[in-house]
Amino acid sequence: MRFLTFLLLAVAASASAAETVLPLWPEGVPGRRVEPSKATLDMIGPAGSRPGRESFINEPSITVYPAANPNGAAVIVCPGGGYWFLSIANEGTRVCEWLNGIGVTGILLHYRVPTADEKLRHHFPVQDLQRTLGLVRSQAKQWNIDPKRVGVIGFSAGANLAGHASWDRTARTYVQKDGVDDPRGPDFLLFVYGGGFLDKQDPKKFLDGFAVPADAPPCFFVVAHDDRNNPLEAAELYVAYKRLNLPAELHIYSKGGHGFGMRQTKFPIDGWTKAAGEWMGAEGFLKATK
């Protein structure tokens, strides 16, 4: 506990000047993952972590990217990578740079990977995201953040992770020890070419046991039409939001494929960040704290 307190004080002192790395579980990471299979190791490749990627993350952490002119909003960034690795540049650091440009503090989550061989791939990453939400809110004053404007953006597997943290209503699977944890999910969600919630045998319906809850956070959906079944996921999730009369916005661009992230494709989909920023502003998440 004293170790965590020391780290939080150090981050609070330096967050206004530069990005700072903070471990999520200084007193021990909960749970134990299975050993990666040969298929998973082959997917990751012999280099393990290539330029622009991170893998074999056993000690999850966050990197805080404070905005130069903060408006009080914060967004936790969850890169994709199939639960094999993290696309840490295209769907991570560059996203934080964009967020900083609109006055939002970016919180880059280095969640545990690989978890592709787990029964529930998202299980341990969700623990890491839940922990991050509580940690960010516990440091809201020091980091110039409004604890009621803490959102999450996820890409691909990171969107699946963010979706589970936003929509699942199951009990936490780790024990709170230090008072940092907050039971609330994100205040808003940006779901970027995510999937994993539709029935593979019948993509017109959700997986058994899944439903968008009546208290789901406002959501911005963006995907390319030529991205396999992910447009169906976004459309079905949006319709569920509409039926519940929950705030949501859906963008399906004709071209862009999967994994466009912050890359410039020279297609209209390159404007998705502008649309996302406008949506956050329209929903009041970029309103400066009084």
Protein backbone atom coordinates (compact mmCIF):
# COMPACT_ATOMS: atom_id res chain seq x y z
CA MET A 1 0.00 0.00 0.00
CA ARG A 2 2.82 2.43 0.85
CA PHE A 3 4.50 1.55 -2.44
CA LEU A 4 1.32 2.38 -4.37
CA THR A 5 0.89 5.65 -2.48
CA PHE A 6 4.45 6.67 -3.30
CA LEU A 7 3.91 5.94 -6.99
CA LEU A 8 0.66 7.87 -7.12
CA LEU A 9 2.29 10.89 -5.51
CA ALA A 10 5.13 10.73 -8.01
CA VAL A 11 2.73 10.59 -10.93
CA ALA A 12 0.60 13.40 -9.52
CA ALA A 13 3.68 15.60 -9.25
CA SER A 14 4.89 14.98 -12.78
CA ALA A 15 1.71 14.36 -14.82
CA SER A 16 1.37 18.01 -15.82
CA ALA A 17 4.80 17.96 -17.47
CA ALA A 18 5.18 14.66 -19.33
CA GLU A 19 3.77 11.16 -19.71
CA THR A 20 4.35 8.85 -16.76
CA VAL A 21 4.20 5.07 -16.47
CA LEU A 22 2.40 3.57 -13.48
CA PRO A 23 2.04 -0.16 -12.65
CA LEU A 24 -1.53 -1.32 -12.09
CA TRP A 25 -0.86 -4.04 -9.55
CA PRO A 26 2.23 -3.12 -7.45
CA GLU A 27 1.14 -5.57 -4.76
CA GLY A 28 0.73 -8.48 -7.16
CA VAL A 29 -1.21 -9.21 -10.37
CA PRO A 30 -4.39 -11.22 -9.68
CA GLY A 31 -4.91 -14.61 -11.32
CA ARG A 32 -2.62 -16.80 -13.34
CA ARG A 33 -2.71 -17.20 -17.11
CA VAL A 34 -2.21 -20.41 -19.03
CA GLU A 35 1.01 -20.81 -20.97
CA PRO A 36 0.76 -19.54 -24.57
CA SER A 37 0.15 -22.28 -27.12
CA LYS A 38 2.41 -22.87 -30.12
CA ALA A 39 -0.29 -21.35 -32.34
CA THR A 40 -0.28 -18.19 -30.25
CA LEU A 41 3.51 -18.01 -30.21
CA ASP A 42 3.55 -18.48 -33.98
CA MET A 43 1.00 -15.69 -34.36
CA ILE A 44 3.07 -13.32 -32.24
CA GLY A 45 6.25 -14.30 -34.04
CA PRO A 46 9.78 -15.01 -32.85
CA ALA A 47 10.53 -11.34 -32.15
CA GLY A 48 7.76 -11.20 -29.55
CA SER A 49 7.38 -7.46 -29.61
CA ARG A 50 8.02 -5.89 -33.01
CA PRO A 51 8.26 -2.15 -33.67
CA GLY A 52 4.85 -0.66 -32.96
CA ARG A 53 3.73 -3.74 -31.00
CA GLU A 54 3.94 -5.03 -27.45
CA SER A 55 3.41 -8.58 -26.23
CA PHE A 56 4.21 -10.84 -23.29
CA ILE A 57 2.91 -8.20 -20.89
CA ASN A 58 2.89 -9.82 -17.46
CA GLU A 59 2.96 -6.64 -15.36
CA PRO A 60 0.22 -4.42 -16.79
CA SER A 61 0.59 -0.67 -16.53
CA ILE A 62 -0.78 2.64 -17.70
CA THR A 63 0.99 5.55 -19.34
CA VAL A 64 -0.56 8.93 -18.56
CA TYR A 65 -0.48 11.48 -21.40
CA PRO A 66 -1.69 14.78 -19.90
CA ALA A 67 -3.19 17.39 -22.20
CA ALA A 68 -1.41 20.74 -22.33
CA ASN A 69 -4.76 22.52 -22.03
CA PRO A 70 -6.97 19.99 -20.24
CA ASN A 71 -10.74 20.30 -20.40
CA GLY A 72 -11.22 17.73 -17.63
CA ALA A 73 -12.02 14.71 -19.80
CA ALA A 74 -9.91 11.55 -19.82
CA VAL A 75 -10.02 8.58 -22.16
CA ILE A 76 -8.43 5.20 -21.45
CA VAL A 77 -6.97 3.81 -24.68
CA CYS A 78 -7.17 0.04 -25.29
CA PRO A 79 -5.15 -1.02 -28.37
CA GLY A 80 -6.10 -4.11 -30.35
CA GLY A 81 -4.04 -7.10 -31.39
CA GLY A 82 -6.28 -10.15 -31.15
CA TYR A 83 -5.37 -10.67 -27.49
CA TRP A 84 -1.97 -11.77 -28.85
CA PHE A 85 -0.22 -8.40 -28.75
CA LEU A 86 -0.98 -4.66 -28.52
CA SER A 87 -0.83 -2.40 -31.57
CA ILE A 88 0.79 0.15 -29.31
CA ALA A 89 1.58 2.86 -31.88
CA ASN A 90 -1.26 2.91 -34.44
CA GLU A 91 -3.94 2.24 -31.80
CA GLY A 92 -2.16 3.58 -28.73
CA THR A 93 0.37 6.40 -28.55
CA ARG A 94 -0.94 8.15 -31.67
CA VAL A 95 -4.46 7.99 -30.25
CA CYS A 96 -3.23 9.68 -27.06
CA GLU A 97 -1.61 12.40 -29.17
CA TRP A 98 -4.94 13.03 -30.93
CA LEU A 99 -6.78 13.13 -27.61
CA ASN A 100 -4.27 15.60 -26.19
CA GLY A 101 -4.93 17.81 -29.21
CA ILE A 102 -8.59 18.18 -28.20
CA GLY A 103 -7.80 18.77 -24.53
CA VAL A 104 -8.33 15.20 -23.34
CA THR A 105 -5.91 13.36 -21.06
CA GLY A 106 -4.97 10.05 -22.66
CA ILE A 107 -4.42 6.98 -20.48
CA LEU A 108 -2.72 4.24 -22.51
CA LEU A 109 -3.50 0.81 -21.04
CA HIS A 110 -0.84 -1.87 -21.43
CA TYR A 111 -3.12 -4.78 -20.52
CA ARG A 112 -2.04 -8.38 -20.14
CA VAL A 113 -1.28 -10.26 -23.35
CA PRO A 114 -1.27 -12.85 -24.73
CA THR A 115 -4.56 -14.15 -23.36
CA ALA A 116 -5.73 -15.76 -26.61
CA ASP A 117 -5.56 -19.24 -25.05
CA GLU A 118 -7.75 -18.41 -22.06
CA LYS A 119 -11.33 -19.70 -21.96
CA LEU A 120 -12.41 -16.05 -21.87
CA ARG A 121 -9.80 -14.01 -23.72
CA HIS A 122 -11.04 -10.79 -22.18
CA HIS A 123 -11.05 -12.01 -18.55
CA PHE A 124 -7.66 -10.71 -17.37
CA PRO A 125 -7.65 -7.62 -19.63
CA VAL A 126 -11.03 -6.63 -18.16
CA GLN A 127 -9.48 -6.82 -14.68
CA ASP A 128 -6.78 -4.45 -15.89
CA LEU A 129 -9.29 -2.02 -17.39
CA GLN A 130 -11.49 -2.06 -14.28
CA ARG A 131 -8.43 -1.36 -12.16
CA THR A 132 -7.47 1.50 -14.48
CA LEU A 133 -10.90 3.12 -14.22
CA GLY A 134 -10.67 3.13 -10.43
CA LEU A 135 -7.09 4.36 -10.44
CA VAL A 136 -7.83 7.24 -12.81
CA ARG A 137 -10.83 8.36 -10.79
CA SER A 138 -8.87 8.13 -7.54
CA GLN A 139 -6.32 10.56 -9.01
CA ALA A 140 -8.84 12.84 -10.73
CA LYS A 141 -7.96 15.97 -8.77
CA GLN A 142 -4.20 15.54 -9.16
CA TRP A 143 -4.48 14.81 -12.89
CA ASN A 144 -6.97 17.64 -13.63
CA ILE A 145 -9.67 15.11 -14.53
CA ASP A 146 -13.41 15.18 -13.94
CA PRO A 147 -14.17 11.73 -12.43
CA LYS A 148 -17.56 11.80 -14.17
CA ARG A 149 -15.97 12.21 -17.62
CA VAL A 150 -13.71 9.18 -17.84
CA GLY A 151 -14.24 7.32 -21.11
CA VAL A 152 -12.70 4.35 -22.89
CA ILE A 153 -11.73 3.89 -26.52
CA GLY A 154 -11.02 0.41 -27.82
CA PHE A 155 -9.79 -0.91 -31.17
CA SER A 156 -10.55 -4.45 -32.41
CA ALA A 157 -9.75 -6.77 -29.47
CA GLY A 158 -9.37 -3.62 -27.38
CA ALA A 159 -12.92 -2.67 -28.36
CA ASN A 160 -14.09 -6.14 -27.32
CA LEU A 161 -12.37 -5.56 -23.98
CA ALA A 162 -13.91 -2.09 -23.63
CA GLY A 163 -17.33 -3.48 -24.55
CA HIS A 164 -17.18 -6.15 -21.86
CA ALA A 165 -16.12 -3.58 -19.27
CA SER A 166 -18.99 -1.32 -20.38
CA TRP A 167 -21.83 -3.81 -20.89
CA ASP A 168 -21.22 -6.86 -18.70
CA ARG A 169 -22.88 -6.75 -15.33
CA THR A 170 -21.03 -9.58 -13.61
CA ALA A 171 -19.24 -9.29 -10.27
CA ARG A 172 -15.57 -8.34 -10.16
CA THR A 173 -13.19 -11.25 -10.31
CA TYR A 174 -10.44 -9.82 -8.12
CA VAL A 175 -10.27 -8.64 -4.52
CA GLN A 176 -10.02 -4.94 -3.78
CA LYS A 177 -7.16 -4.36 -1.34
CA ASP A 178 -6.21 -0.71 -1.27
CA GLY A 179 -9.35 1.36 -1.72
CA VAL A 180 -8.42 2.53 -5.24
CA ASP A 181 -11.09 0.58 -7.07
CA ASP A 182 -14.32 2.20 -8.20
CA PRO A 183 -17.26 -0.07 -9.14
CA ARG A 184 -18.42 2.16 -11.99
CA GLY A 185 -17.72 1.40 -15.62
CA PRO A 186 -16.68 4.05 -18.16
CA ASP A 187 -18.76 7.21 -18.51
CA PHE A 188 -18.65 6.89 -22.32
CA LEU A 189 -17.32 4.47 -24.91
CA LEU A 190 -15.75 4.72 -28.36
CA PHE A 191 -16.04 1.31 -30.06
CA VAL A 192 -13.70 1.14 -33.06
CA TYR A 193 -14.05 -1.90 -35.38
CA GLY A 194 -14.79 -4.20 -32.46
CA GLY A 195 -16.48 -7.57 -32.42
CA GLY A 196 -17.05 -10.73 -30.46
CA PHE A 197 -20.63 -10.15 -29.29
CA LEU A 198 -22.57 -11.82 -32.11
CA ASP A 199 -23.38 -15.51 -32.43
CA LYS A 200 -20.99 -16.98 -35.01
CA GLN A 201 -23.66 -19.42 -36.21
CA ASP A 202 -26.31 -16.73 -36.52
CA PRO A 203 -24.79 -13.23 -36.79
CA LYS A 204 -28.27 -11.70 -36.65
CA LYS A 205 -28.35 -12.22 -32.89
CA PHE A 206 -26.11 -11.73 -29.88
CA LEU A 207 -24.30 -14.48 -28.01
CA ASP A 208 -26.42 -16.34 -25.48
CA GLY A 209 -26.46 -14.43 -22.24
CA PHE A 210 -25.37 -11.11 -23.73
CA ALA A 211 -27.51 -8.00 -24.01
CA VAL A 212 -26.79 -4.31 -23.97
CA PRO A 213 -27.89 -3.21 -20.47
CA ALA A 214 -30.33 -0.37 -19.85
CA ASP A 215 -27.58 1.61 -18.11
CA ALA A 216 -24.98 1.23 -20.86
CA PRO A 217 -22.73 4.28 -21.33
CA PRO A 218 -23.15 6.56 -24.37
CA CYS A 219 -21.32 5.00 -27.31
CA PHE A 220 -19.68 6.11 -30.56
CA PHE A 221 -19.37 3.28 -33.10
CA VAL A 222 -17.05 3.46 -36.11
CA VAL A 223 -16.17 0.73 -38.62
CA ALA A 224 -15.53 0.14 -42.33
CA HIS A 225 -18.11 -1.64 -44.51
CA ASP A 226 -15.37 -3.87 -45.92
CA ASP A 227 -14.30 -5.16 -42.48
CA ARG A 228 -15.71 -8.71 -42.40
CA ASN A 229 -18.64 -9.02 -39.91
CA ASN A 230 -17.63 -6.06 -37.79
CA PRO A 231 -20.14 -3.70 -39.48
CA LEU A 232 -22.89 -6.15 -38.48
CA GLU A 233 -21.63 -6.03 -34.89
CA ALA A 234 -21.66 -2.24 -34.84
CA ALA A 235 -25.11 -2.09 -36.46
CA GLU A 236 -26.69 -4.63 -34.09
CA LEU A 237 -25.16 -2.93 -31.06
CA TYR A 238 -26.36 0.44 -32.27
CA VAL A 239 -29.89 -0.90 -32.81
CA ALA A 240 -29.84 -2.27 -29.26
CA TYR A 241 -28.88 1.20 -28.02
CA LYS A 242 -31.65 2.78 -30.07
CA ARG A 243 -34.26 0.38 -28.72
CA LEU A 244 -33.19 1.29 -25.19
CA ASN A 245 -33.25 5.00 -26.11
CA LEU A 246 -29.60 5.36 -25.09
CA PRO A 247 -27.22 7.97 -26.58
CA ALA A 248 -25.24 6.54 -29.49
CA GLU A 249 -23.81 7.43 -32.89
CA LEU A 250 -22.88 5.02 -35.70
CA HIS A 251 -20.44 5.60 -38.57
CA ILE A 252 -19.97 2.92 -41.25
CA TYR A 253 -17.55 4.04 -43.96
CA SER A 254 -17.49 2.26 -47.32
CA LYS A 255 -13.73 1.55 -47.33
CA GLY A 256 -11.03 1.23 -44.71
CA GLY A 257 -10.79 -2.46 -43.87
CA HIS A 258 -9.67 -3.57 -40.45
CA GLY A 259 -7.04 -1.93 -38.29
CA PHE A 260 -7.00 1.54 -39.84
CA GLY A 261 -6.56 3.15 -36.43
CA MET A 262 -4.69 6.42 -36.85
CA ARG A 263 -3.28 5.52 -40.30
CA GLN A 264 -4.12 7.74 -43.22
CA THR A 265 -5.89 5.59 -45.80
CA LYS A 266 -6.80 8.41 -48.24
CA PHE A 267 -10.44 7.34 -47.89
CA PRO A 268 -13.16 9.35 -46.09
CA ILE A 269 -12.70 7.08 -43.06
CA ASP A 270 -9.64 9.21 -42.21
CA GLY A 271 -12.11 11.73 -40.80
CA TRP A 272 -13.34 9.42 -38.05
CA THR A 273 -11.34 11.19 -35.33
CA LYS A 274 -12.95 14.52 -36.22
CA ALA A 275 -16.38 12.89 -36.00
CA ALA A 276 -15.48 11.26 -32.70
CA GLY A 277 -14.31 14.55 -31.23
CA GLU A 278 -17.49 16.27 -32.37
CA TRP A 279 -19.56 13.51 -30.78
CA MET A 280 -17.73 13.84 -27.45
CA GLY A 281 -18.31 17.58 -27.59
CA ALA A 282 -22.00 17.24 -28.47
CA GLU A 283 -22.51 14.81 -25.57
CA GLY A 284 -20.87 17.26 -23.16
CA PHE A 285 -17.75 15.23 -22.39
CA LEU A 286 -15.38 17.98 -23.56
CA LYS A 287 -17.02 20.68 -21.47
CA ALA A 288 -14.44 22.36 -19.27
CA THR A 289 -14.77 21.76 -15.54
CA LYS A 290 -16.11 24.81 -13.73
